[in-house]
């Protein structure tokens, strides 16, 4: 990312198409909860109570 892209604007996830593509590539590499547990890591905390 360039210096121009480092400036954060509230309410926007991506400021231009280059940054959108960059964020998309990062999301492709994210692991889900089961994959994290297999590696002995803790996934994000529960957001909802199980009923």
PDB file of N, CA and C in Angstrom:
ATOM      1  N   UNK A   1       0.848  -1.189   0.000  1.00  0.00           N
ATOM      2  CA  UNK A   1       0.000   0.000   0.000  1.00  0.00           C
ATOM      3  C   UNK A   1       0.884   1.240   0.000  1.00  0.00           C
ATOM      4  N   UNK A   2       0.393   2.251  -0.638  1.00  0.00           N
ATOM      5  CA  UNK A   2       1.146   3.495  -0.692  1.00  0.00           C
ATOM      6  C   UNK A   2       0.783   4.376   0.485  1.00  0.00           C
ATOM      7  N   UNK A   3       1.556   5.423   0.689  1.00  0.00           N
ATOM      8  CA  UNK A   3       1.269   6.375   1.773  1.00  0.00           C
ATOM      9  C   UNK A   3      -0.146   6.907   1.638  1.00  0.00           C
ATOM     10  N   UNK A   4      -0.555   7.119   0.402  1.00  0.00           N
ATOM     11  CA  UNK A   4      -1.887   7.655   0.121  1.00  0.00           C
ATOM     12  C   UNK A   4      -2.976   6.738   0.676  1.00  0.00           C
ATOM     13  N   UNK A   5      -2.755   5.420   0.567  1.00  0.00           N
ATOM     14  CA  UNK A   5      -3.737   4.442   1.023  1.00  0.00           C
ATOM     15  C   UNK A   5      -3.722   4.259   2.531  1.00  0.00           C
ATOM     16  N   UNK A   6      -2.647   4.671   3.198  1.00  0.00           N
ATOM     17  CA  UNK A   6      -2.539   4.470   4.638  1.00  0.00           C
ATOM     18  C   UNK A   6      -3.476   5.384   5.417  1.00  0.00           C
ATOM     19  N   UNK A   7      -3.910   6.473   4.801  1.00  0.00           N
ATOM     20  CA  UNK A   7      -4.838   7.385   5.465  1.00  0.00           C
ATOM     21  C   UNK A   7      -6.197   6.680   5.607  1.00  0.00           C
ATOM     22  N   UNK A   8      -6.671   6.591   6.829  1.00  0.00           N
ATOM     23  CA  UNK A   8      -7.914   5.862   7.098  1.00  0.00           C
ATOM     24  C   UNK A   8      -9.076   6.843   7.126  1.00  0.00           C
ATOM     25  N   UNK A   9     -10.115   6.516   6.379  1.00  0.00           N
ATOM     26  CA  UNK A   9     -11.330   7.318   6.385  1.00  0.00           C
ATOM     27  C   UNK A   9     -12.402   6.524   7.113  1.00  0.00           C
ATOM     28  N   UNK A  10     -13.062   7.122   8.051  1.00  0.00           N
ATOM     29  CA  UNK A  10     -14.128   6.434   8.779  1.00  0.00           C
ATOM     30  C   UNK A  10     -15.274   6.095   7.848  1.00  0.00           C
ATOM     31  N   UNK A  11     -15.816   4.904   8.029  1.00  0.00           N
ATOM     32  CA  UNK A  11     -16.980   4.486   7.254  1.00  0.00           C
ATOM     33  C   UNK A  11     -16.631   3.802   5.944  1.00  0.00           C
ATOM     34  N   UNK A  12     -15.349   3.657   5.625  1.00  0.00           N
ATOM     35  CA  UNK A  12     -14.943   3.012   4.387  1.00  0.00           C
ATOM     36  C   UNK A  12     -14.025   1.845   4.712  1.00  0.00           C
ATOM     37  N   UNK A  13     -14.269   0.706   4.080  1.00  0.00           N
ATOM     38  CA  UNK A  13     -13.374  -0.426   4.264  1.00  0.00           C
ATOM     39  C   UNK A  13     -12.228  -0.352   3.272  1.00  0.00           C
ATOM     40  N   UNK A  14     -12.497   0.155   2.090  1.00  0.00           N
ATOM     41  CA  UNK A  14     -11.461   0.284   1.065  1.00  0.00           C
ATOM     42  C   UNK A  14     -11.654   1.640   0.388  1.00  0.00           C
ATOM     43  N   UNK A  15     -10.555   2.342   0.199  1.00  0.00           N
ATOM     44  CA  UNK A  15     -10.625   3.675  -0.372  1.00  0.00           C
ATOM     45  C   UNK A  15     -10.552   3.676  -1.892  1.00  0.00           C
ATOM     46  N   UNK A  16     -10.058   2.600  -2.487  1.00  0.00           N
ATOM     47  CA  UNK A  16      -9.977   2.520  -3.946  1.00  0.00           C
ATOM     48  C   UNK A  16      -9.944   1.057  -4.367  1.00  0.00           C
ATOM     49  N   UNK A  17      -9.960   0.824  -5.670  1.00  0.00           N
ATOM     50  CA  UNK A  17     -10.020  -0.537  -6.188  1.00  0.00           C
ATOM     51  C   UNK A  17      -8.750  -1.325  -5.850  1.00  0.00           C
ATOM     52  N   UNK A  18      -7.594  -0.690  -5.857  1.00  0.00           N
ATOM     53  CA  UNK A  18      -6.339  -1.370  -5.522  1.00  0.00           C
ATOM     54  C   UNK A  18      -6.403  -1.918  -4.095  1.00  0.00           C
ATOM     55  N   UNK A  19      -6.913  -1.126  -3.175  1.00  0.00           N
ATOM     56  CA  UNK A  19      -7.013  -1.561  -1.787  1.00  0.00           C
ATOM     57  C   UNK A  19      -8.074  -2.652  -1.640  1.00  0.00           C
ATOM     58  N   UNK A  20      -9.145  -2.571  -2.400  1.00  0.00           N
ATOM     59  CA  UNK A  20     -10.198  -3.586  -2.369  1.00  0.00           C
ATOM     60  C   UNK A  20      -9.643  -4.939  -2.807  1.00  0.00           C
ATOM     61  N   UNK A  21      -8.850  -4.953  -3.854  1.00  0.00           N
ATOM     62  CA  UNK A  21      -8.240  -6.192  -4.333  1.00  0.00           C
ATOM     63  C   UNK A  21      -7.283  -6.747  -3.280  1.00  0.00           C
ATOM     64  N   UNK A  22      -6.487  -5.863  -2.664  1.00  0.00           N
ATOM     65  CA  UNK A  22      -5.546  -6.265  -1.616  1.00  0.00           C
ATOM     66  C   UNK A  22      -6.285  -6.900  -0.436  1.00  0.00           C
ATOM     67  N   UNK A  23      -7.371  -6.279   0.015  1.00  0.00           N
ATOM     68  CA  UNK A  23      -8.141  -6.818   1.140  1.00  0.00           C
ATOM     69  C   UNK A  23      -8.799  -8.143   0.774  1.00  0.00           C
ATOM     70  N   UNK A  24      -9.257  -8.274  -0.459  1.00  0.00           N
ATOM     71  CA  UNK A  24      -9.855  -9.520  -0.920  1.00  0.00           C
ATOM     72  C   UNK A  24      -8.868 -10.674  -0.861  1.00  0.00           C
ATOM     73  N   UNK A  25      -7.620 -10.399  -1.252  1.00  0.00           N
ATOM     74  CA  UNK A  25      -6.593 -11.446  -1.204  1.00  0.00           C
ATOM     75  C   UNK A  25      -6.292 -11.844   0.234  1.00  0.00           C
ATOM     76  N   UNK A  26      -6.310 -10.876   1.154  1.00  0.00           N
ATOM     77  CA  UNK A  26      -6.100 -11.202   2.564  1.00  0.00           C
ATOM     78  C   UNK A  26      -7.222 -12.088   3.085  1.00  0.00           C
ATOM     79  N   UNK A  27      -8.459 -11.799   2.697  1.00  0.00           N
ATOM     80  CA  UNK A  27      -9.603 -12.575   3.190  1.00  0.00           C
ATOM     81  C   UNK A  27      -9.576 -14.002   2.666  1.00  0.00           C
ATOM     82  N   UNK A  28      -9.044 -14.214   1.454  1.00  0.00           N
ATOM     83  CA  UNK A  28      -8.961 -15.568   0.902  1.00  0.00           C
ATOM     84  C   UNK A  28      -8.086 -16.467   1.771  1.00  0.00           C
ATOM     85  N   UNK A  29      -7.109 -15.889   2.446  1.00  0.00           N
ATOM     86  CA  UNK A  29      -6.170 -16.662   3.252  1.00  0.00           C
ATOM     87  C   UNK A  29      -6.610 -16.851   4.702  1.00  0.00           C
ATOM     88  N   UNK A  30      -7.743 -16.287   5.101  1.00  0.00           N
ATOM     89  CA  UNK A  30      -8.200 -16.433   6.484  1.00  0.00           C
ATOM     90  C   UNK A  30      -8.619 -17.866   6.755  1.00  0.00           C
ATOM     91  N   UNK A  31      -8.335 -18.324   7.955  1.00  0.00           N
ATOM     92  CA  UNK A  31      -8.712 -19.680   8.342  1.00  0.00           C
ATOM     93  C   UNK A  31      -9.976 -19.626   9.189  1.00  0.00           C
ATOM     94  N   UNK A  32     -10.783 -20.675   9.105  1.00  0.00           N
ATOM     95  CA  UNK A  32     -12.002 -20.712   9.913  1.00  0.00           C
ATOM     96  C   UNK A  32     -11.703 -21.323  11.282  1.00  0.00           C
ATOM     97  N   UNK A  33     -12.720 -21.378  12.139  1.00  0.00           N
ATOM     98  CA  UNK A  33     -12.558 -21.845  13.511  1.00  0.00           C
ATOM     99  C   UNK A  33     -12.010 -23.257  13.617  1.00  0.00           C
ATOM    100  N   UNK A  34     -12.478 -24.164  12.763  1.00  0.00           N
ATOM    101  CA  UNK A  34     -12.000 -25.554  12.818  1.00  0.00           C
ATOM    102  C   UNK A  34     -10.529 -25.650  12.441  1.00  0.00           C
ATOM    103  N   UNK A  35     -10.119 -24.878  11.457  1.00  0.00           N
ATOM    104  CA  UNK A  35      -8.711 -24.898  11.054  1.00  0.00           C
ATOM    105  C   UNK A  35      -7.828 -24.357  12.174  1.00  0.00           C
ATOM    106  N   UNK A  36      -8.287 -23.343  12.870  1.00  0.00           N
ATOM    107  CA  UNK A  36      -7.518 -22.792  13.987  1.00  0.00           C
ATOM    108  C   UNK A  36      -7.407 -23.803  15.118  1.00  0.00           C
ATOM    109  N   UNK A  37      -8.514 -24.498  15.418  1.00  0.00           N
ATOM    110  CA  UNK A  37      -8.498 -25.494  16.487  1.00  0.00           C
ATOM    111  C   UNK A  37      -7.545 -26.636  16.157  1.00  0.00           C
ATOM    112  N   UNK A  38      -7.468 -27.025  14.875  1.00  0.00           N
ATOM    113  CA  UNK A  38      -6.553 -28.089  14.467  1.00  0.00           C
ATOM    114  C   UNK A  38      -5.101 -27.687  14.730  1.00  0.00           C
ATOM    115  N   UNK A  39      -4.812 -26.399  14.645  1.00  0.00           N
ATOM    116  CA  UNK A  39      -3.459 -25.892  14.902  1.00  0.00           C
ATOM    117  C   UNK A  39      -3.233 -25.579  16.379  1.00  0.00           C
ATOM    118  N   UNK A  40      -4.220 -25.888  17.220  1.00  0.00           N
ATOM    119  CA  UNK A  40      -4.083 -25.636  18.648  1.00  0.00           C
ATOM    120  C   UNK A  40      -4.259 -24.173  19.024  1.00  0.00           C
ATOM    121  N   UNK A  41      -4.943 -23.414  18.175  1.00  0.00           N
ATOM    122  CA  UNK A  41      -5.166 -21.996  18.456  1.00  0.00           C
ATOM    123  C   UNK A  41      -6.640 -21.775  18.770  1.00  0.00           C
ATOM    124  N   UNK A  42      -6.933 -20.681  19.444  1.00  0.00           N
ATOM    125  CA  UNK A  42      -8.311 -20.372  19.802  1.00  0.00           C
ATOM    126  C   UNK A  42      -8.953 -19.480  18.747  1.00  0.00           C
ATOM    127  N   UNK A  43     -10.134 -19.858  18.257  1.00  0.00           N
ATOM    128  CA  UNK A  43     -10.838 -18.980  17.327  1.00  0.00           C
ATOM    129  C   UNK A  43     -11.396 -17.766  18.069  1.00  0.00           C
ATOM    130  N   UNK A  44     -11.980 -16.856  17.344  1.00  0.00           N
ATOM    131  CA  UNK A  44     -12.592 -15.686  17.975  1.00  0.00           C
ATOM    132  C   UNK A  44     -13.596 -16.118  19.025  1.00  0.00           C
ATOM    133  N   UNK A  45     -13.786 -15.337  20.067  1.00  0.00           N
ATOM    134  CA  UNK A  45     -14.741 -15.710  21.108  1.00  0.00           C
ATOM    135  C   UNK A  45     -16.174 -15.768  20.556  1.00  0.00           C
ATOM    136  N   UNK A  46     -16.976 -16.548  21.242  1.00  0.00           N
ATOM    137  CA  UNK A  46     -18.383 -16.667  20.853  1.00  0.00           C
ATOM    138  C   UNK A  46     -19.061 -15.307  20.934  1.00  0.00           C
ATOM    139  N   UNK A  47     -19.881 -14.981  19.949  1.00  0.00           N
ATOM    140  CA  UNK A  47     -20.563 -13.693  19.965  1.00  0.00           C
ATOM    141  C   UNK A  47     -22.014 -13.825  20.431  1.00  0.00           C
ATOM    142  N   UNK A  48     -22.512 -15.064  20.420  1.00  0.00           N
ATOM    143  CA  UNK A  48     -23.889 -15.294  20.818  1.00  0.00           C
ATOM    144  C   UNK A  48     -23.942 -16.425  21.832  1.00  0.00           C
ATOM    145  N   UNK A  49     -24.851 -16.341  22.764  1.00  0.00           N
ATOM    146  CA  UNK A  49     -25.033 -17.423  23.725  1.00  0.00           C
ATOM    147  C   UNK A  49     -25.739 -18.575  23.049  1.00  0.00           C
ATOM    148  N   UNK A  50     -25.271 -19.785  23.295  1.00  0.00           N
ATOM    149  CA  UNK A  50     -25.948 -20.954  22.758  1.00  0.00           C
ATOM    150  C   UNK A  50     -27.148 -21.268  23.640  1.00  0.00           C
ATOM    151  N   UNK A  51     -28.271 -21.526  23.015  1.00  0.00           N
ATOM    152  CA  UNK A  51     -29.488 -21.802  23.784  1.00  0.00           C
ATOM    153  C   UNK A  51     -29.867 -23.245  23.707  1.00  0.00           C
TER     154      UNK A  51
END
